[in-house]
Amino acid sequence: MMIGEVTKGKWLSADCDYMRVGFVCQIARKELCGDYREYAEGRRCYKKIDQPLSQDDAERYCQNECGHLASIHDAKESDIVHGLFNRENSYARIGLTYSDGNYSWSDNSTFDYNK
């Protein structure tokens, strides 16, 4: 699943592995977010990575950063992730997948918000 500027922050569900796009990692907020963007209410930090990887490879990259692909649970958090984009026609992978009629986040958090 991807989020993008063309869709004004709406999520795009498609077979995205053929698309050469970056992704958004999230890590748990400790004391400082470093080069990640802070989302205080959710105690998470986000960073857009411009390296084009498949969904699985992007998730592994984020895990190597001690995190996951971004999971989004409310409108404010969606705005934070969407705010990482600085150009038109830009998309990025997030951690949402769809399989067998169910949506799930790569960090195993509850699917409780849909945009």
PDB file of N, CA and C in Angstrom:
ATOM      1  N   MET A   1       0.858  -1.167   0.000  1.00  0.00           N
ATOM      2  CA  MET A   1       0.000   0.000   0.000  1.00  0.00           C
ATOM      3  C   MET A   1       0.905   1.230   0.000  1.00  0.00           C
ATOM      4  N   MET A   2       0.424   2.293  -0.639  1.00  0.00           N
ATOM      5  CA  MET A   2       1.230   3.515  -0.718  1.00  0.00           C
ATOM      6  C   MET A   2       0.387   4.726  -0.327  1.00  0.00           C
ATOM      7  N   ILE A   3       1.079   5.772   0.062  1.00  0.00           N
ATOM      8  CA  ILE A   3       0.479   7.071   0.312  1.00  0.00           C
ATOM      9  C   ILE A   3       1.160   8.030  -0.653  1.00  0.00           C
ATOM     10  N   GLY A   4       0.419   9.027  -1.146  1.00  0.00           N
ATOM     11  CA  GLY A   4       1.059   9.885  -2.131  1.00  0.00           C
ATOM     12  C   GLY A   4       0.499  11.275  -2.254  1.00  0.00           C
ATOM     13  N   GLU A   5       1.293  12.134  -2.863  1.00  0.00           N
ATOM     14  CA  GLU A   5       0.909  13.522  -3.089  1.00  0.00           C
ATOM     15  C   GLU A   5      -0.185  13.621  -4.142  1.00  0.00           C
ATOM     16  N   VAL A   6      -0.102  12.800  -5.182  1.00  0.00           N
ATOM     17  CA  VAL A   6      -1.116  12.842  -6.239  1.00  0.00           C
ATOM     18  C   VAL A   6      -2.490  12.535  -5.670  1.00  0.00           C
ATOM     19  N   THR A   7      -2.559  11.640  -4.699  1.00  0.00           N
ATOM     20  CA  THR A   7      -3.829  11.266  -4.086  1.00  0.00           C
ATOM     21  C   THR A   7      -4.144  12.130  -2.875  1.00  0.00           C
ATOM     22  N   LYS A   8      -3.410  13.219  -2.683  1.00  0.00           N
ATOM     23  CA  LYS A   8      -3.618  14.166  -1.577  1.00  0.00           C
ATOM     24  C   LYS A   8      -3.627  13.466  -0.219  1.00  0.00           C
ATOM     25  N   GLY A   9      -2.711  12.530  -0.051  1.00  0.00           N
ATOM     26  CA  GLY A   9      -2.576  11.839   1.221  1.00  0.00           C
ATOM     27  C   GLY A   9      -3.455  10.617   1.362  1.00  0.00           C
ATOM     28  N   LYS A  10      -4.320  10.358   0.389  1.00  0.00           N
ATOM     29  CA  LYS A  10      -5.141   9.142   0.429  1.00  0.00           C
ATOM     30  C   LYS A  10      -4.241   7.947   0.132  1.00  0.00           C
ATOM     31  N   TRP A  11      -4.669   6.786   0.589  1.00  0.00           N
ATOM     32  CA  TRP A  11      -3.886   5.588   0.374  1.00  0.00           C
ATOM     33  C   TRP A  11      -4.214   4.991  -0.981  1.00  0.00           C
ATOM     34  N   LEU A  12      -3.227   4.419  -1.623  1.00  0.00           N
ATOM     35  CA  LEU A  12      -3.380   3.801  -2.933  1.00  0.00           C
ATOM     36  C   LEU A  12      -3.131   2.311  -2.789  1.00  0.00           C
ATOM     37  N   SER A  13      -4.151   1.539  -3.090  1.00  0.00           N
ATOM     38  CA  SER A  13      -4.035   0.087  -3.031  1.00  0.00           C
ATOM     39  C   SER A  13      -3.850  -0.439  -4.442  1.00  0.00           C
ATOM     40  N   ALA A  14      -2.733  -1.082  -4.674  1.00  0.00           N
ATOM     41  CA  ALA A  14      -2.436  -1.624  -5.999  1.00  0.00           C
ATOM     42  C   ALA A  14      -1.312  -2.635  -5.858  1.00  0.00           C
ATOM     43  N   ASP A  15      -1.033  -3.343  -6.942  1.00  0.00           N
ATOM     44  CA  ASP A  15       0.140  -4.210  -6.969  1.00  0.00           C
ATOM     45  C   ASP A  15       1.341  -3.291  -7.147  1.00  0.00           C
ATOM     46  N   CYS A  16       1.917  -2.870  -6.043  1.00  0.00           N
ATOM     47  CA  CYS A  16       2.891  -1.776  -6.035  1.00  0.00           C
ATOM     48  C   CYS A  16       4.338  -2.230  -6.188  1.00  0.00           C
ATOM     49  N   ASP A  17       4.614  -3.518  -6.127  1.00  0.00           N
ATOM     50  CA  ASP A  17       6.011  -3.949  -6.152  1.00  0.00           C
ATOM     51  C   ASP A  17       6.721  -3.591  -7.450  1.00  0.00           C
ATOM     52  N   TYR A  18       5.980  -3.428  -8.537  1.00  0.00           N
ATOM     53  CA  TYR A  18       6.623  -3.044  -9.797  1.00  0.00           C
ATOM     54  C   TYR A  18       6.964  -1.562  -9.823  1.00  0.00           C
ATOM     55  N   MET A  19       6.383  -0.768  -8.925  1.00  0.00           N
ATOM     56  CA  MET A  19       6.615   0.681  -8.919  1.00  0.00           C
ATOM     57  C   MET A  19       7.909   1.005  -8.185  1.00  0.00           C
ATOM     58  N   ARG A  20       8.710   1.878  -8.765  1.00  0.00           N
ATOM     59  CA  ARG A  20       9.987   2.283  -8.181  1.00  0.00           C
ATOM     60  C   ARG A  20       9.734   3.495  -7.294  1.00  0.00           C
ATOM     61  N   VAL A  21       9.369   3.249  -6.042  1.00  0.00           N
ATOM     62  CA  VAL A  21       9.065   4.332  -5.106  1.00  0.00           C
ATOM     63  C   VAL A  21       9.808   4.103  -3.798  1.00  0.00           C
ATOM     64  N   GLY A  22       9.940   5.156  -3.032  1.00  0.00           N
ATOM     65  CA  GLY A  22      10.544   5.062  -1.712  1.00  0.00           C
ATOM     66  C   GLY A  22       9.534   4.551  -0.695  1.00  0.00           C
ATOM     67  N   PHE A  23       9.822   4.791   0.573  1.00  0.00           N
ATOM     68  CA  PHE A  23       8.967   4.272   1.635  1.00  0.00           C
ATOM     69  C   PHE A  23       9.139   5.117   2.884  1.00  0.00           C
ATOM     70  N   VAL A  24       8.267   4.889   3.868  1.00  0.00           N
ATOM     71  CA  VAL A  24       8.324   5.624   5.127  1.00  0.00           C
ATOM     72  C   VAL A  24       8.528   4.627   6.257  1.00  0.00           C
ATOM     73  N   CYS A  25       9.615   4.816   7.008  1.00  0.00           N
ATOM     74  CA  CYS A  25       9.889   4.005   8.197  1.00  0.00           C
ATOM     75  C   CYS A  25       9.367   4.725   9.434  1.00  0.00           C
ATOM     76  N   GLN A  26       8.994   3.942  10.428  1.00  0.00           N
ATOM     77  CA  GLN A  26       8.656   4.500  11.735  1.00  0.00           C
ATOM     78  C   GLN A  26       9.474   3.771  12.784  1.00  0.00           C
ATOM     79  N   ILE A  27       9.870   4.498  13.805  1.00  0.00           N
ATOM     80  CA  ILE A  27      10.556   3.912  14.952  1.00  0.00           C
ATOM     81  C   ILE A  27       9.866   4.410  16.211  1.00  0.00           C
ATOM     82  N   ALA A  28      10.015   3.667  17.294  1.00  0.00           N
ATOM     83  CA  ALA A  28       9.471   4.118  18.571  1.00  0.00           C
ATOM     84  C   ALA A  28      10.256   5.333  19.035  1.00  0.00           C
ATOM     85  N   ARG A  29       9.549   6.331  19.544  1.00  0.00           N
ATOM     86  CA  ARG A  29      10.213   7.541  20.036  1.00  0.00           C
ATOM     87  C   ARG A  29      10.855   7.225  21.375  1.00  0.00           C
ATOM     88  N   LYS A  30      12.146   7.494  21.444  1.00  0.00           N
ATOM     89  CA  LYS A  30      12.837   7.336  22.719  1.00  0.00           C
ATOM     90  C   LYS A  30      12.963   8.734  23.299  1.00  0.00           C
ATOM     91  N   GLU A  31      14.133   9.289  23.389  1.00  0.00           N
ATOM     92  CA  GLU A  31      14.265  10.670  23.846  1.00  0.00           C
ATOM     93  C   GLU A  31      14.271  11.633  22.677  1.00  0.00           C
ATOM     94  N   LEU A  32      15.016  11.300  21.634  1.00  0.00           N
ATOM     95  CA  LEU A  32      15.102  12.152  20.456  1.00  0.00           C
ATOM     96  C   LEU A  32      14.845  11.313  19.216  1.00  0.00           C
ATOM     97  N   CYS A  33      14.325  11.958  18.190  1.00  0.00           N
ATOM     98  CA  CYS A  33      14.040  11.243  16.941  1.00  0.00           C
ATOM     99  C   CYS A  33      15.204  11.275  15.965  1.00  0.00           C
ATOM    100  N   GLY A  34      16.239  12.050  16.245  1.00  0.00           N
ATOM    101  CA  GLY A  34      17.368  12.131  15.317  1.00  0.00           C
ATOM    102  C   GLY A  34      16.921  12.692  13.982  1.00  0.00           C
ATOM    103  N   ASP A  35      17.216  11.979  12.898  1.00  0.00           N
ATOM    104  CA  ASP A  35      16.814  12.473  11.575  1.00  0.00           C
ATOM    105  C   ASP A  35      15.413  12.007  11.176  1.00  0.00           C
ATOM    106  N   TYR A  36      14.664  11.480  12.117  1.00  0.00           N
ATOM    107  CA  TYR A  36      13.262  11.124  11.912  1.00  0.00           C
ATOM    108  C   TYR A  36      12.382  12.294  12.355  1.00  0.00           C
ATOM    109  N   ARG A  37      11.168  12.379  11.819  1.00  0.00           N
ATOM    110  CA  ARG A  37      10.221  13.428  12.206  1.00  0.00           C
ATOM    111  C   ARG A  37       9.361  12.923  13.357  1.00  0.00           C
ATOM    112  N   GLU A  38       9.220  13.724  14.385  1.00  0.00           N
ATOM    113  CA  GLU A  38       8.514  13.324  15.599  1.00  0.00           C
ATOM    114  C   GLU A  38       7.005  13.451  15.455  1.00  0.00           C
ATOM    115  N   TYR A  39       6.305  12.483  16.018  1.00  0.00           N
ATOM    116  CA  TYR A  39       4.857  12.541  16.188  1.00  0.00           C
ATOM    117  C   TYR A  39       4.598  12.253  17.658  1.00  0.00           C
ATOM    118  N   ALA A  40       4.528  13.305  18.457  1.00  0.00           N
ATOM    119  CA  ALA A  40       4.513  13.179  19.916  1.00  0.00           C
ATOM    120  C   ALA A  40       3.304  12.413  20.436  1.00  0.00           C
ATOM    121  N   GLU A  41       2.109  12.680  19.868  1.00  0.00           N
ATOM    122  CA  GLU A  41       0.906  12.027  20.373  1.00  0.00           C
ATOM    123  C   GLU A  41       1.009  10.505  20.266  1.00  0.00           C
ATOM    124  N   GLY A  42       1.640  10.040  19.213  1.00  0.00           N
ATOM    125  CA  GLY A  42       1.769   8.602  19.001  1.00  0.00           C
ATOM    126  C   GLY A  42       3.074   8.036  19.506  1.00  0.00           C
ATOM    127  N   ARG A  43       3.955   8.912  19.997  1.00  0.00           N
ATOM    128  CA  ARG A  43       5.263   8.498  20.499  1.00  0.00           C
ATOM    129  C   ARG A  43       6.038   7.712  19.442  1.00  0.00           C
ATOM    130  N   ARG A  44       5.914   8.167  18.186  1.00  0.00           N
ATOM    131  CA  ARG A  44       6.649   7.539  17.098  1.00  0.00           C
ATOM    132  C   ARG A  44       7.380   8.606  16.303  1.00  0.00           C
ATOM    133  N   CYS A  45       8.356   8.161  15.535  1.00  0.00           N
ATOM    134  CA  CYS A  45       9.133   9.041  14.671  1.00  0.00           C
ATOM    135  C   CYS A  45       9.123   8.440  13.268  1.00  0.00           C
ATOM    136  N   TYR A  46       9.102   9.310  12.250  1.00  0.00           N
ATOM    137  CA  TYR A  46       8.978   8.874  10.858  1.00  0.00           C
ATOM    138  C   TYR A  46      10.074   9.461   9.992  1.00  0.00           C
ATOM    139  N   LYS A  47      10.450   8.710   8.957  1.00  0.00           N
ATOM    140  CA  LYS A  47      11.414   9.214   7.982  1.00  0.00           C
ATOM    141  C   LYS A  47      11.081   8.624   6.616  1.00  0.00           C
ATOM    142  N   LYS A  48      11.049   9.488   5.584  1.00  0.00           N
ATOM    143  CA  LYS A  48      10.859   9.018   4.217  1.00  0.00           C
ATOM    144  C   LYS A  48      12.221   8.640   3.651  1.00  0.00           C
ATOM    145  N   ILE A  49      12.291   7.448   3.084  1.00  0.00           N
ATOM    146  CA  ILE A  49      13.505   6.940   2.456  1.00  0.00           C
ATOM    147  C   ILE A  49      13.251   6.934   0.947  1.00  0.00           C
ATOM    148  N   ASP A  50      14.091   7.618   0.190  1.00  0.00           N
ATOM    149  CA  ASP A  50      13.878   7.727  -1.251  1.00  0.00           C
ATOM    150  C   ASP A  50      14.396   6.537  -2.051  1.00  0.00           C
ATOM    151  N   GLN A  51      14.979   5.569  -1.394  1.00  0.00           N
ATOM    152  CA  GLN A  51      15.507   4.389  -2.083  1.00  0.00           C
ATOM    153  C   GLN A  51      14.342   3.501  -2.542  1.00  0.00           C
ATOM    154  N   PRO A  52      14.233   3.200  -3.844  1.00  0.00           N
ATOM    155  CA  PRO A  52      13.120   2.369  -4.315  1.00  0.00           C
ATOM    156  C   PRO A  52      13.353   0.896  -3.998  1.00  0.00           C
ATOM    157  N   LEU A  53      12.511   0.344  -3.142  1.00  0.00           N
ATOM    158  CA  LEU A  53      12.599  -1.066  -2.759  1.00  0.00           C
ATOM    159  C   LEU A  53      11.215  -1.700  -2.828  1.00  0.00           C
ATOM    160  N   SER A  54      11.172  -3.021  -2.909  1.00  0.00           N
ATOM    161  CA  SER A  54       9.904  -3.747  -2.836  1.00  0.00           C
ATOM    162  C   SER A  54       9.334  -3.602  -1.426  1.00  0.00           C
ATOM    163  N   GLN A  55       8.076  -3.986  -1.252  1.00  0.00           N
ATOM    164  CA  GLN A  55       7.433  -3.916   0.064  1.00  0.00           C
ATOM    165  C   GLN A  55       8.238  -4.712   1.094  1.00  0.00           C
ATOM    166  N   ASP A  56       8.610  -5.944   0.749  1.00  0.00           N
ATOM    167  CA  ASP A  56       9.353  -6.793   1.689  1.00  0.00           C
ATOM    168  C   ASP A  56      10.736  -6.229   2.000  1.00  0.00           C
ATOM    169  N   ASP A  57      11.444  -5.758   0.979  1.00  0.00           N
ATOM    170  CA  ASP A  57      12.779  -5.198   1.207  1.00  0.00           C
ATOM    171  C   ASP A  57      12.712  -3.900   2.001  1.00  0.00           C
ATOM    172  N   ALA A  58      11.677  -3.097   1.760  1.00  0.00           N
ATOM    173  CA  ALA A  58      11.503  -1.859   2.525  1.00  0.00           C
ATOM    174  C   ALA A  58      11.240  -2.174   3.998  1.00  0.00           C
ATOM    175  N   GLU A  59      10.427  -3.192   4.264  1.00  0.00           N
ATOM    176  CA  GLU A  59      10.166  -3.590   5.650  1.00  0.00           C
ATOM    177  C   GLU A  59      11.460  -4.063   6.315  1.00  0.00           C
ATOM    178  N   ARG A  60      12.268  -4.846   5.613  1.00  0.00           N
ATOM    179  CA  ARG A  60      13.552  -5.292   6.181  1.00  0.00           C
ATOM    180  C   ARG A  60      14.460  -4.100   6.475  1.00  0.00           C
ATOM    181  N   TYR A  61      14.496  -3.124   5.567  1.00  0.00           N
ATOM    182  CA  TYR A  61      15.294  -1.910   5.783  1.00  0.00           C
ATOM    183  C   TYR A  61      14.851  -1.228   7.078  1.00  0.00           C
ATOM    184  N   CYS A  62      13.544  -1.056   7.241  1.00  0.00           N
ATOM    185  CA  CYS A  62      13.029  -0.398   8.447  1.00  0.00           C
ATOM    186  C   CYS A  62      13.343  -1.216   9.699  1.00  0.00           C
ATOM    187  N   GLN A  63      13.255  -2.530   9.610  1.00  0.00           N
ATOM    188  CA  GLN A  63      13.594  -3.371  10.757  1.00  0.00           C
ATOM    189  C   GLN A  63      15.062  -3.209  11.131  1.00  0.00           C
ATOM    190  N   ASN A  64      15.933  -3.025  10.148  1.00  0.00           N
ATOM    191  CA  ASN A  64      17.345  -2.770  10.437  1.00  0.00           C
ATOM    192  C   ASN A  64      17.554  -1.434  11.131  1.00  0.00           C
ATOM    193  N   GLU A  65      16.580  -0.530  11.013  1.00  0.00           N
ATOM    194  CA  GLU A  65      16.603   0.758  11.712  1.00  0.00           C
ATOM    195  C   GLU A  65      15.863   0.653  13.053  1.00  0.00           C
ATOM    196  N   CYS A  66      15.538  -0.577  13.465  1.00  0.00           N
ATOM    197  CA  CYS A  66      14.787  -0.856  14.703  1.00  0.00           C
ATOM    198  C   CYS A  66      13.348  -0.364  14.612  1.00  0.00           C
ATOM    199  N   GLY A  67      12.749  -0.485  13.443  1.00  0.00           N
ATOM    200  CA  GLY A  67      11.369  -0.050  13.258  1.00  0.00           C
ATOM    201  C   GLY A  67      10.637  -0.916  12.258  1.00  0.00           C
ATOM    202  N   HIS A  68       9.631  -0.311  11.628  1.00  0.00           N
ATOM    203  CA  HIS A  68       8.792  -0.965  10.622  1.00  0.00           C
ATOM    204  C   HIS A  68       8.399   0.071   9.590  1.00  0.00           C
ATOM    205  N   LEU A  69       7.819  -0.392   8.482  1.00  0.00           N
ATOM    206  CA  LEU A  69       7.149   0.535   7.588  1.00  0.00           C
ATOM    207  C   LEU A  69       6.052   1.229   8.389  1.00  0.00           C
ATOM    208  N   ALA A  70       5.730   2.450   8.023  1.00  0.00           N
ATOM    209  CA  ALA A  70       4.789   3.262   8.799  1.00  0.00           C
ATOM    210  C   ALA A  70       3.409   2.620   8.882  1.00  0.00           C
ATOM    211  N   SER A  71       2.847   2.638  10.085  1.00  0.00           N
ATOM    212  CA  SER A  71       1.437   2.316  10.298  1.00  0.00           C
ATOM    213  C   SER A  71       0.760   3.607  10.750  1.00  0.00           C
ATOM    214  N   ILE A  72      -0.465   3.811  10.303  1.00  0.00           N
ATOM    215  CA  ILE A  72      -1.163   5.081  10.522  1.00  0.00           C
ATOM    216  C   ILE A  72      -2.477   4.796  11.233  1.00  0.00           C
ATOM    217  N   HIS A  73      -2.714   5.498  12.356  1.00  0.00           N
ATOM    218  CA  HIS A  73      -3.868   5.178  13.185  1.00  0.00           C
ATOM    219  C   HIS A  73      -4.822   6.338  13.438  1.00  0.00           C
ATOM    220  N   ASP A  74      -4.530   7.519  12.909  1.00  0.00           N
ATOM    221  CA  ASP A  74      -5.472   8.632  13.022  1.00  0.00           C
ATOM    222  C   ASP A  74      -5.118   9.707  11.998  1.00  0.00           C
ATOM    223  N   ALA A  75      -5.995  10.698  11.869  1.00  0.00           N
ATOM    224  CA  ALA A  75      -5.821  11.743  10.850  1.00  0.00           C
ATOM    225  C   ALA A  75      -4.555  12.561  11.078  1.00  0.00           C
ATOM    226  N   LYS A  76      -4.225  12.869  12.330  1.00  0.00           N
ATOM    227  CA  LYS A  76      -3.005  13.646  12.611  1.00  0.00           C
ATOM    228  C   LYS A  76      -1.760  12.887  12.172  1.00  0.00           C
ATOM    229  N   GLU A  77      -1.745  11.620  12.471  1.00  0.00           N
ATOM    230  CA  GLU A  77      -0.608  10.786  12.087  1.00  0.00           C
ATOM    231  C   GLU A  77      -0.509  10.689  10.557  1.00  0.00           C
ATOM    232  N   SER A  78      -1.648  10.573   9.891  1.00  0.00           N
ATOM    233  CA  SER A  78      -1.659  10.553   8.430  1.00  0.00           C
ATOM    234  C   SER A  78      -1.091  11.849   7.868  1.00  0.00           C
ATOM    235  N   ASP A  79      -1.454  12.977   8.478  1.00  0.00           N
ATOM    236  CA  ASP A  79      -0.932  14.272   8.033  1.00  0.00           C
ATOM    237  C   ASP A  79       0.580  14.363   8.226  1.00  0.00           C
ATOM    238  N   ILE A  80       1.093  13.810   9.329  1.00  0.00           N
ATOM    239  CA  ILE A  80       2.541  13.811   9.580  1.00  0.00           C
ATOM    240  C   ILE A  80       3.253  13.032   8.471  1.00  0.00           C
ATOM    241  N   VAL A  81       2.766  11.835   8.178  1.00  0.00           N
ATOM    242  CA  VAL A  81       3.397  11.003   7.150  1.00  0.00           C
ATOM    243  C   VAL A  81       3.276  11.683   5.785  1.00  0.00           C
ATOM    244  N   HIS A  82       2.098  12.205   5.474  1.00  0.00           N
ATOM    245  CA  HIS A  82       1.903  12.897   4.192  1.00  0.00           C
ATOM    246  C   HIS A  82       2.789  14.135   4.113  1.00  0.00           C
ATOM    247  N   GLY A  83       3.048  14.786   5.236  1.00  0.00           N
ATOM    248  CA  GLY A  83       3.889  15.978   5.275  1.00  0.00           C
ATOM    249  C   GLY A  83       5.351  15.719   4.944  1.00  0.00           C
ATOM    250  N   LEU A  84       5.753  14.471   4.891  1.00  0.00           N
ATOM    251  CA  LEU A  84       7.128  14.135   4.523  1.00  0.00           C
ATOM    252  C   LEU A  84       7.388  14.339   3.034  1.00  0.00           C
ATOM    253  N   PHE A  85       6.330  14.524   2.257  1.00  0.00           N
ATOM    254  CA  PHE A  85       6.468  14.684   0.809  1.00  0.00           C
ATOM    255  C   PHE A  85       6.721  16.137   0.475  1.00  0.00           C
ATOM    256  N   ASN A  86       7.662  16.378  -0.422  1.00  0.00           N
ATOM    257  CA  ASN A  86       8.000  17.752  -0.780  1.00  0.00           C
ATOM    258  C   ASN A  86       7.915  18.000  -2.280  1.00  0.00           C
ATOM    259  N   ARG A  87       7.304  17.097  -2.994  1.00  0.00           N
ATOM    260  CA  ARG A  87       7.157  17.317  -4.439  1.00  0.00           C
ATOM    261  C   ARG A  87       5.902  16.602  -4.937  1.00  0.00           C
ATOM    262  N   GLU A  88       5.385  17.089  -6.063  1.00  0.00           N
ATOM    263  CA  GLU A  88       4.217  16.457  -6.668  1.00  0.00           C
ATOM    264  C   GLU A  88       4.600  15.109  -7.259  1.00  0.00           C
ATOM    265  N   ASN A  89       3.596  14.300  -7.492  1.00  0.00           N
ATOM    266  CA  ASN A  89       3.766  12.974  -8.095  1.00  0.00           C
ATOM    267  C   ASN A  89       4.676  12.075  -7.269  1.00  0.00           C
ATOM    268  N   SER A  90       4.668  12.250  -5.972  1.00  0.00           N
ATOM    269  CA  SER A  90       5.513  11.470  -5.084  1.00  0.00           C
ATOM    270  C   SER A  90       4.656  10.473  -4.302  1.00  0.00           C
ATOM    271  N   TYR A  91       5.092   9.241  -4.291  1.00  0.00           N
ATOM    272  CA  TYR A  91       4.441   8.191  -3.518  1.00  0.00           C
ATOM    273  C   TYR A  91       5.474   7.550  -2.605  1.00  0.00           C
ATOM    274  N   ALA A  92       4.996   6.892  -1.560  1.00  0.00           N
ATOM    275  CA  ALA A  92       5.886   6.120  -0.697  1.00  0.00           C
ATOM    276  C   ALA A  92       5.118   4.939  -0.128  1.00  0.00           C
ATOM    277  N   ARG A  93       5.812   3.851   0.062  1.00  0.00           N
ATOM    278  CA  ARG A  93       5.201   2.664   0.656  1.00  0.00           C
ATOM    279  C   ARG A  93       4.949   2.893   2.139  1.00  0.00           C
ATOM    280  N   ILE A  94       3.835   2.349   2.621  1.00  0.00           N
ATOM    281  CA  ILE A  94       3.560   2.278   4.050  1.00  0.00           C
ATOM    282  C   ILE A  94       3.375   0.803   4.390  1.00  0.00           C
ATOM    283  N   GLY A  95       3.230   0.494   5.651  1.00  0.00           N
ATOM    284  CA  GLY A  95       3.223  -0.896   6.088  1.00  0.00           C
ATOM    285  C   GLY A  95       1.904  -1.622   6.001  1.00  0.00           C
ATOM    286  N   LEU A  96       0.946  -1.103   5.254  1.00  0.00           N
ATOM    287  CA  LEU A  96      -0.360  -1.742   5.142  1.00  0.00           C
ATOM    288  C   LEU A  96      -0.376  -2.721   3.973  1.00  0.00           C
ATOM    289  N   THR A  97      -0.854  -3.925   4.236  1.00  0.00           N
ATOM    290  CA  THR A  97      -1.018  -4.921   3.180  1.00  0.00           C
ATOM    291  C   THR A  97      -2.441  -5.470   3.224  1.00  0.00           C
ATOM    292  N   TYR A  98      -2.859  -6.054   2.114  1.00  0.00           N
ATOM    293  CA  TYR A  98      -4.194  -6.642   1.986  1.00  0.00           C
ATOM    294  C   TYR A  98      -4.038  -8.064   1.483  1.00  0.00           C
ATOM    295  N   SER A  99      -4.572  -9.004   2.244  1.00  0.00           N
ATOM    296  CA  SER A  99      -4.466 -10.405   1.859  1.00  0.00           C
ATOM    297  C   SER A  99      -5.675 -11.171   2.387  1.00  0.00           C
ATOM    298  N   ASP A 100      -6.241 -12.010   1.553  1.00  0.00           N
ATOM    299  CA  ASP A 100      -7.377 -12.857   1.945  1.00  0.00           C
ATOM    300  C   ASP A 100      -8.510 -12.057   2.579  1.00  0.00           C
ATOM    301  N   GLY A 101      -8.776 -10.865   2.046  1.00  0.00           N
ATOM    302  CA  GLY A 101      -9.889 -10.056   2.532  1.00  0.00           C
ATOM    303  C   GLY A 101      -9.607  -9.264   3.790  1.00  0.00           C
ATOM    304  N   ASN A 102      -8.360  -9.243   4.239  1.00  0.00           N
ATOM    305  CA  ASN A 102      -8.018  -8.541   5.479  1.00  0.00           C
ATOM    306  C   ASN A 102      -6.861  -7.570   5.272  1.00  0.00           C
ATOM    307  N   TYR A 103      -6.961  -6.416   5.934  1.00  0.00           N
ATOM    308  CA  TYR A 103      -5.866  -5.455   5.977  1.00  0.00           C
ATOM    309  C   TYR A 103      -5.040  -5.717   7.223  1.00  0.00           C
ATOM    310  N   SER A 104      -3.725  -5.556   7.106  1.00  0.00           N
ATOM    311  CA  SER A 104      -2.868  -5.692   8.288  1.00  0.00           C
ATOM    312  C   SER A 104      -1.650  -4.791   8.147  1.00  0.00           C
ATOM    313  N   TRP A 105      -1.168  -4.322   9.302  1.00  0.00           N
ATOM    314  CA  TRP A 105       0.035  -3.486   9.364  1.00  0.00           C
ATOM    315  C   TRP A 105       1.245  -4.372   9.601  1.00  0.00           C
ATOM    316  N   SER A 106       2.379  -3.993   9.041  1.00  0.00           N
ATOM    317  CA  SER A 106       3.598  -4.796   9.183  1.00  0.00           C
ATOM    318  C   SER A 106       4.102  -4.848  10.626  1.00  0.00           C
ATOM    319  N   ASP A 107       3.695  -3.874  11.464  1.00  0.00           N
ATOM    320  CA  ASP A 107       4.109  -3.898  12.872  1.00  0.00           C
ATOM    321  C   ASP A 107       3.105  -4.644  13.752  1.00  0.00           C
ATOM    322  N   ASN A 108       2.109  -5.279  13.123  1.00  0.00           N
ATOM    323  CA  ASN A 108       1.063  -6.049  13.811  1.00  0.00           C
ATOM    324  C   ASN A 108       0.151  -5.206  14.684  1.00  0.00           C
ATOM    325  N   SER A 109       0.153  -3.887  14.507  1.00  0.00           N
ATOM    326  CA  SER A 109      -0.784  -3.048  15.251  1.00  0.00           C
ATOM    327  C   SER A 109      -2.179  -3.194  14.633  1.00  0.00           C
ATOM    328  N   THR A 110      -3.182  -2.760  15.366  1.00  0.00           N
ATOM    329  CA  THR A 110      -4.573  -2.886  14.945  1.00  0.00           C
ATOM    330  C   THR A 110      -4.873  -2.001  13.742  1.00  0.00           C
ATOM    331  N   PHE A 111      -5.608  -2.534  12.784  1.00  0.00           N
ATOM    332  CA  PHE A 111      -6.078  -1.738  11.643  1.00  0.00           C
ATOM    333  C   PHE A 111      -7.334  -1.004  12.097  1.00  0.00           C
ATOM    334  N   ASP A 112      -7.149   0.245  12.549  1.00  0.00           N
ATOM    335  CA  ASP A 112      -8.245   0.991  13.165  1.00  0.00           C
ATOM    336  C   ASP A 112      -8.504   2.348  12.521  1.00  0.00           C
ATOM    337  N   TYR A 113      -7.866   2.619  11.387  1.00  0.00           N
ATOM    338  CA  TYR A 113      -8.049   3.889  10.689  1.00  0.00           C
ATOM    339  C   TYR A 113      -7.848   3.633   9.205  1.00  0.00           C
ATOM    340  N   ASN A 114      -8.690   4.257   8.383  1.00  0.00           N
ATOM    341  CA  ASN A 114      -8.611   4.061   6.940  1.00  0.00           C
ATOM    342  C   ASN A 114      -8.750   5.398   6.252  1.00  0.00           C
ATOM    343  N   LYS A 115      -7.869   5.692   5.316  1.00  0.00           N
ATOM    344  CA  LYS A 115      -7.951   6.965   4.589  1.00  0.00           C
ATOM    345  C   LYS A 115      -8.038   6.701   3.107  1.00  0.00           C
TER     346      LYS A 115
END
